[in-house]
Structure formats: C-alpha cells, structure tokens
Amino acid sequence: MEKILLWVHILCAMTYIGGMIFLAAAVIPYARKLELEARGKIISGIGKKFRMLSWVAIALLIITGFGMLGISGQTSAIGSNTTLMWKLILFALMIILSLVHDMVIGSRSAKDPKNISLRTFSSWTGRVTLLLGLAIVYLAINLNLGI
C-alpha cells in the first residue's frame, strides 16, 4: 500500500509542478507575442483547464502525504522532524498562494484583463508558487534519504 501511495504522491507532484513549468516556459512566452485579447483568452482558457487538474493533484498530495505518514508511524514525529515540518509549512504556503492566484487574482483578471498591476501580481504569485513547489521536492528528497 505504501508504494502505491508514494507512486500517486509523486505522480501528483509531477503533474502540479510540471504543469506550472509548462505554463511558465511555453504558454506564457508564446502568449506574450499575441494581441492582448488573444493572450487573455489563451492564458485564461489553459489556466482554467489546469486549475481543475492542479487542485485534484493538491487534494491527492494531501491525502497520500498523510496516508504515508500514518503508515510509517511518523505522525507523532512531525514536530521533531525539521525537514518534514518545513515541507509541511512550505506546502501550506503553496496552497494559500495557489488559492490567492486562482480564486482572487483569476476572477479579478477576468473582469479587468487590461489591469497591468494585476497581471504582474499574478505572474509573481505563479513564480513564487513554482519555487515553493521545487523547494518542497528538494525537502522530500532529503526526507526520503534521511537527511
């Protein structure tokens, strides 16, 4: 059971972080070359499709993460395991930032696509969310290696 949980956990992390990398490295640079209206439609359309997938991945990361903690008996060690504690803190921050990005900024951007400060804020929250995700993967590797 633990191997299945780990497999699903890794698959969800790959989906979430890989999707953010794809958006940042391919979709956004391509869309910047388009007119403002077309750019907004592409980013909004792809963002909405990815949003559902990413929130399913986040939900499964929570379920499988706590499932693996329960199986390994480490639930009582959360406070004493610094790496695990930081991983959970960064994960919580990533979820909060994702909520702000998807629910607050996304809905405001749809109403006001020409708002440059809103687009800038959206871009930065996306970047920070990706960096948090990459840091979490680094901590997960350390956790697995017992570092």
C-alpha atoms as a PDB file:
ATOM      1  CA  MET A   1       0.000   0.000   0.000  1.00  0.00           C
ATOM      2  CA  GLU A   2       2.841   2.381   0.860  1.00  0.00           C
ATOM      3  CA  LYS A   3       4.353   2.023  -2.635  1.00  0.00           C
ATOM      4  CA  ILE A   4       1.014   2.859  -4.263  1.00  0.00           C
ATOM      5  CA  LEU A   5       0.599   5.929  -2.049  1.00  0.00           C
ATOM      6  CA  LEU A   6       4.145   7.041  -2.867  1.00  0.00           C
ATOM      7  CA  TRP A   7       3.565   6.487  -6.601  1.00  0.00           C
ATOM      8  CA  VAL A   8       0.356   8.560  -6.568  1.00  0.00           C
ATOM      9  CA  HIS A   9       2.076  11.214  -4.437  1.00  0.00           C
ATOM     10  CA  ILE A  10       4.997  11.537  -6.875  1.00  0.00           C
ATOM     11  CA  LEU A  11       2.666  11.487  -9.891  1.00  0.00           C
ATOM     12  CA  CYS A  12       0.598  14.336  -8.415  1.00  0.00           C
ATOM     13  CA  ALA A  13       3.704  16.376  -7.588  1.00  0.00           C
ATOM     14  CA  MET A  14       4.964  15.860 -11.153  1.00  0.00           C
ATOM     15  CA  THR A  15       1.600  16.906 -12.562  1.00  0.00           C
ATOM     16  CA  TYR A  16       1.346  20.040 -10.437  1.00  0.00           C
ATOM     17  CA  ILE A  17       4.931  21.250 -10.762  1.00  0.00           C
ATOM     18  CA  GLY A  18       5.304  20.077 -14.356  1.00  0.00           C
ATOM     19  CA  GLY A  19       2.155  21.963 -15.286  1.00  0.00           C
ATOM     20  CA  MET A  20       3.481  25.152 -13.709  1.00  0.00           C
ATOM     21  CA  ILE A  21       6.790  24.756 -15.547  1.00  0.00           C
ATOM     22  CA  PHE A  22       4.923  24.195 -18.835  1.00  0.00           C
ATOM     23  CA  LEU A  23       2.857  27.341 -18.263  1.00  0.00           C
ATOM     24  CA  ALA A  24       5.925  29.415 -17.373  1.00  0.00           C
ATOM     25  CA  ALA A  25       8.238  28.037 -20.061  1.00  0.00           C
ATOM     26  CA  ALA A  26       5.870  27.542 -23.004  1.00  0.00           C
ATOM     27  CA  VAL A  27       2.376  29.008 -22.680  1.00  0.00           C
ATOM     28  CA  ILE A  28       3.206  32.433 -21.218  1.00  0.00           C
ATOM     29  CA  PRO A  29       6.145  33.192 -23.574  1.00  0.00           C
ATOM     30  CA  TYR A  30       4.014  32.151 -26.567  1.00  0.00           C
ATOM     31  CA  ALA A  31       1.031  34.193 -25.396  1.00  0.00           C
ATOM     32  CA  ARG A  32       3.143  37.333 -24.879  1.00  0.00           C
ATOM     33  CA  LYS A  33       3.620  37.556 -28.651  1.00  0.00           C
ATOM     34  CA  LEU A  34      -0.133  37.797 -29.218  1.00  0.00           C
ATOM     35  CA  GLU A  35      -2.520  40.718 -29.065  1.00  0.00           C
ATOM     36  CA  LEU A  36      -3.866  41.463 -25.590  1.00  0.00           C
ATOM     37  CA  GLU A  37      -7.314  39.957 -26.218  1.00  0.00           C
ATOM     38  CA  ALA A  38      -5.952  36.726 -27.748  1.00  0.00           C
ATOM     39  CA  ARG A  39      -3.329  36.490 -24.996  1.00  0.00           C
ATOM     40  CA  GLY A  40      -6.009  36.772 -22.338  1.00  0.00           C
ATOM     41  CA  LYS A  41      -8.151  34.087 -23.956  1.00  0.00           C
ATOM     42  CA  ILE A  42      -5.279  31.603 -24.262  1.00  0.00           C
ATOM     43  CA  ILE A  43      -3.917  32.137 -20.758  1.00  0.00           C
ATOM     44  CA  SER A  44      -7.397  32.143 -19.230  1.00  0.00           C
ATOM     45  CA  GLY A  45      -8.527  29.049 -21.147  1.00  0.00           C
ATOM     46  CA  ILE A  46      -5.438  26.983 -20.405  1.00  0.00           C
ATOM     47  CA  GLY A  47      -5.371  28.282 -16.822  1.00  0.00           C
ATOM     48  CA  LYS A  48      -8.950  27.149 -16.206  1.00  0.00           C
ATOM     49  CA  LYS A  49      -8.214  23.672 -17.579  1.00  0.00           C
ATOM     50  CA  PHE A  50      -5.051  23.378 -15.498  1.00  0.00           C
ATOM     51  CA  ARG A  51      -6.752  24.751 -12.373  1.00  0.00           C
ATOM     52  CA  MET A  52      -9.036  21.724 -12.008  1.00  0.00           C
ATOM     53  CA  LEU A  53      -6.169  19.297 -12.599  1.00  0.00           C
ATOM     54  CA  SER A  54      -3.906  21.137 -10.169  1.00  0.00           C
ATOM     55  CA  TRP A  55      -6.479  21.187  -7.351  1.00  0.00           C
ATOM     56  CA  VAL A  56      -7.126  17.466  -7.793  1.00  0.00           C
ATOM     57  CA  ALA A  57      -3.357  16.942  -7.597  1.00  0.00           C
ATOM     58  CA  ILE A  58      -3.137  19.078  -4.437  1.00  0.00           C
ATOM     59  CA  ALA A  59      -6.004  17.173  -2.802  1.00  0.00           C
ATOM     60  CA  LEU A  60      -4.346  13.854  -3.624  1.00  0.00           C
ATOM     61  CA  LEU A  61      -0.997  15.155  -2.338  1.00  0.00           C
ATOM     62  CA  ILE A  62      -2.651  15.906   0.999  1.00  0.00           C
ATOM     63  CA  ILE A  63      -4.405  12.524   1.163  1.00  0.00           C
ATOM     64  CA  THR A  64      -1.397  10.456   0.096  1.00  0.00           C
ATOM     65  CA  GLY A  65       1.017  12.501   2.211  1.00  0.00           C
ATOM     66  CA  PHE A  66      -0.926  11.960   5.410  1.00  0.00           C
ATOM     67  CA  GLY A  67      -1.586   8.356   4.375  1.00  0.00           C
ATOM     68  CA  MET A  68       2.151   7.721   4.090  1.00  0.00           C
ATOM     69  CA  LEU A  69       2.748   9.432   7.435  1.00  0.00           C
ATOM     70  CA  GLY A  70       0.132   7.198   9.045  1.00  0.00           C
ATOM     71  CA  ILE A  71       1.543   4.010   7.551  1.00  0.00           C
ATOM     72  CA  SER A  72       5.108   4.873   8.533  1.00  0.00           C
ATOM     73  CA  GLY A  73       4.027   5.890  12.030  1.00  0.00           C
ATOM     74  CA  GLN A  74       5.631   9.334  11.709  1.00  0.00           C
ATOM     75  CA  THR A  75       2.539  11.381  12.551  1.00  0.00           C
ATOM     76  CA  SER A  76       3.818  11.904  16.089  1.00  0.00           C
ATOM     77  CA  ALA A  77       7.268  12.909  14.774  1.00  0.00           C
ATOM     78  CA  ILE A  78       6.084  15.925  12.757  1.00  0.00           C
ATOM     79  CA  GLY A  79       7.210  18.425  15.393  1.00  0.00           C
ATOM     80  CA  SER A  80      10.595  16.774  15.922  1.00  0.00           C
ATOM     81  CA  ASN A  81      11.447  16.195  12.248  1.00  0.00           C
ATOM     82  CA  THR A  82      12.661  19.575  10.987  1.00  0.00           C
ATOM     83  CA  THR A  83      12.699  18.581   7.306  1.00  0.00           C
ATOM     84  CA  LEU A  84       9.160  17.243   7.447  1.00  0.00           C
ATOM     85  CA  MET A  85       7.982  20.290   9.366  1.00  0.00           C
ATOM     86  CA  TRP A  86       9.454  22.661   6.753  1.00  0.00           C
ATOM     87  CA  LYS A  87       7.975  20.588   3.943  1.00  0.00           C
ATOM     88  CA  LEU A  88       4.509  20.890   5.501  1.00  0.00           C
ATOM     89  CA  ILE A  89       4.929  24.632   6.158  1.00  0.00           C
ATOM     90  CA  LEU A  90       6.024  25.303   2.571  1.00  0.00           C
ATOM     91  CA  PHE A  91       3.187  23.115   1.290  1.00  0.00           C
ATOM     92  CA  ALA A  92       0.666  25.134   3.312  1.00  0.00           C
ATOM     93  CA  LEU A  93       2.142  28.379   1.941  1.00  0.00           C
ATOM     94  CA  MET A  94       1.982  26.961  -1.583  1.00  0.00           C
ATOM     95  CA  ILE A  95      -1.700  26.098  -1.140  1.00  0.00           C
ATOM     96  CA  ILE A  96      -2.504  29.565   0.227  1.00  0.00           C
ATOM     97  CA  LEU A  97      -0.666  31.248  -2.647  1.00  0.00           C
ATOM     98  CA  SER A  98      -2.390  28.960  -5.158  1.00  0.00           C
ATOM     99  CA  LEU A  99      -5.768  29.885  -3.679  1.00  0.00           C
ATOM    100  CA  VAL A 100      -4.966  33.591  -3.956  1.00  0.00           C
ATOM    101  CA  HIS A 101      -3.670  33.136  -7.511  1.00  0.00           C
ATOM    102  CA  ASP A 102      -6.577  31.015  -8.728  1.00  0.00           C
ATOM    103  CA  MET A 103      -9.566  32.354  -6.830  1.00  0.00           C
ATOM    104  CA  VAL A 104      -8.793  36.022  -6.157  1.00  0.00           C
ATOM    105  CA  ILE A 105      -6.459  37.167  -8.918  1.00  0.00           C
ATOM    106  CA  GLY A 106      -8.027  34.929 -11.558  1.00  0.00           C
ATOM    107  CA  SER A 107     -11.537  36.248 -11.029  1.00  0.00           C
ATOM    108  CA  ARG A 108     -10.350  39.874 -10.959  1.00  0.00           C
ATOM    109  CA  SER A 109      -8.270  39.364 -14.108  1.00  0.00           C
ATOM    110  CA  ALA A 110     -11.298  38.025 -15.942  1.00  0.00           C
ATOM    111  CA  LYS A 111     -13.190  41.221 -15.095  1.00  0.00           C
ATOM    112  CA  ASP A 112     -10.285  43.554 -15.915  1.00  0.00           C
ATOM    113  CA  PRO A 113      -7.884  41.931 -18.435  1.00  0.00           C
ATOM    114  CA  LYS A 114      -6.066  45.236 -19.115  1.00  0.00           C
ATOM    115  CA  ASN A 115      -5.009  45.743 -15.487  1.00  0.00           C
ATOM    116  CA  ILE A 116      -1.208  45.589 -15.679  1.00  0.00           C
ATOM    117  CA  SER A 117      -0.613  45.534 -11.914  1.00  0.00           C
ATOM    118  CA  LEU A 118      -2.989  42.590 -11.576  1.00  0.00           C
ATOM    119  CA  ARG A 119      -1.177  40.693 -14.345  1.00  0.00           C
ATOM    120  CA  THR A 120       2.169  41.453 -12.695  1.00  0.00           C
ATOM    121  CA  PHE A 121       0.908  40.238  -9.310  1.00  0.00           C
ATOM    122  CA  SER A 122      -0.477  37.099 -10.950  1.00  0.00           C
ATOM    123  CA  SER A 123       2.849  36.440 -12.631  1.00  0.00           C
ATOM    124  CA  TRP A 124       4.785  36.812  -9.384  1.00  0.00           C
ATOM    125  CA  THR A 125       2.426  34.623  -7.361  1.00  0.00           C
ATOM    126  CA  GLY A 126       2.822  31.946 -10.031  1.00  0.00           C
ATOM    127  CA  ARG A 127       6.617  32.189  -9.872  1.00  0.00           C
ATOM    128  CA  VAL A 128       6.729  32.026  -6.082  1.00  0.00           C
ATOM    129  CA  THR A 129       4.309  29.081  -6.085  1.00  0.00           C
ATOM    130  CA  LEU A 130       6.588  27.228  -8.510  1.00  0.00           C
ATOM    131  CA  LEU A 131       9.666  27.976  -6.384  1.00  0.00           C
ATOM    132  CA  LEU A 132       7.850  26.719  -3.290  1.00  0.00           C
ATOM    133  CA  GLY A 133       6.935  23.534  -5.166  1.00  0.00           C
ATOM    134  CA  LEU A 134      10.549  22.974  -6.202  1.00  0.00           C
ATOM    135  CA  ALA A 135      11.733  23.573  -2.627  1.00  0.00           C
ATOM    136  CA  ILE A 136       9.176  21.034  -1.391  1.00  0.00           C
ATOM    137  CA  VAL A 137      10.516  18.440  -3.850  1.00  0.00           C
ATOM    138  CA  TYR A 138      14.044  19.119  -2.578  1.00  0.00           C
ATOM    139  CA  LEU A 139      12.886  18.623   1.009  1.00  0.00           C
ATOM    140  CA  ALA A 140      11.037  15.444   0.007  1.00  0.00           C
ATOM    141  CA  ILE A 141      14.249  14.024  -1.448  1.00  0.00           C
ATOM    142  CA  ASN A 142      16.112  14.885   1.768  1.00  0.00           C
ATOM    143  CA  LEU A 143      13.320  13.327   3.803  1.00  0.00           C
ATOM    144  CA  ASN A 144      13.487  10.133   1.761  1.00  0.00           C
ATOM    145  CA  LEU A 145      17.275   9.988   2.117  1.00  0.00           C
ATOM    146  CA  GLY A 146      17.051  10.613   5.856  1.00  0.00           C
ATOM    147  CA  ILE A 147      18.919  13.919   5.654  1.00  0.00           C
END
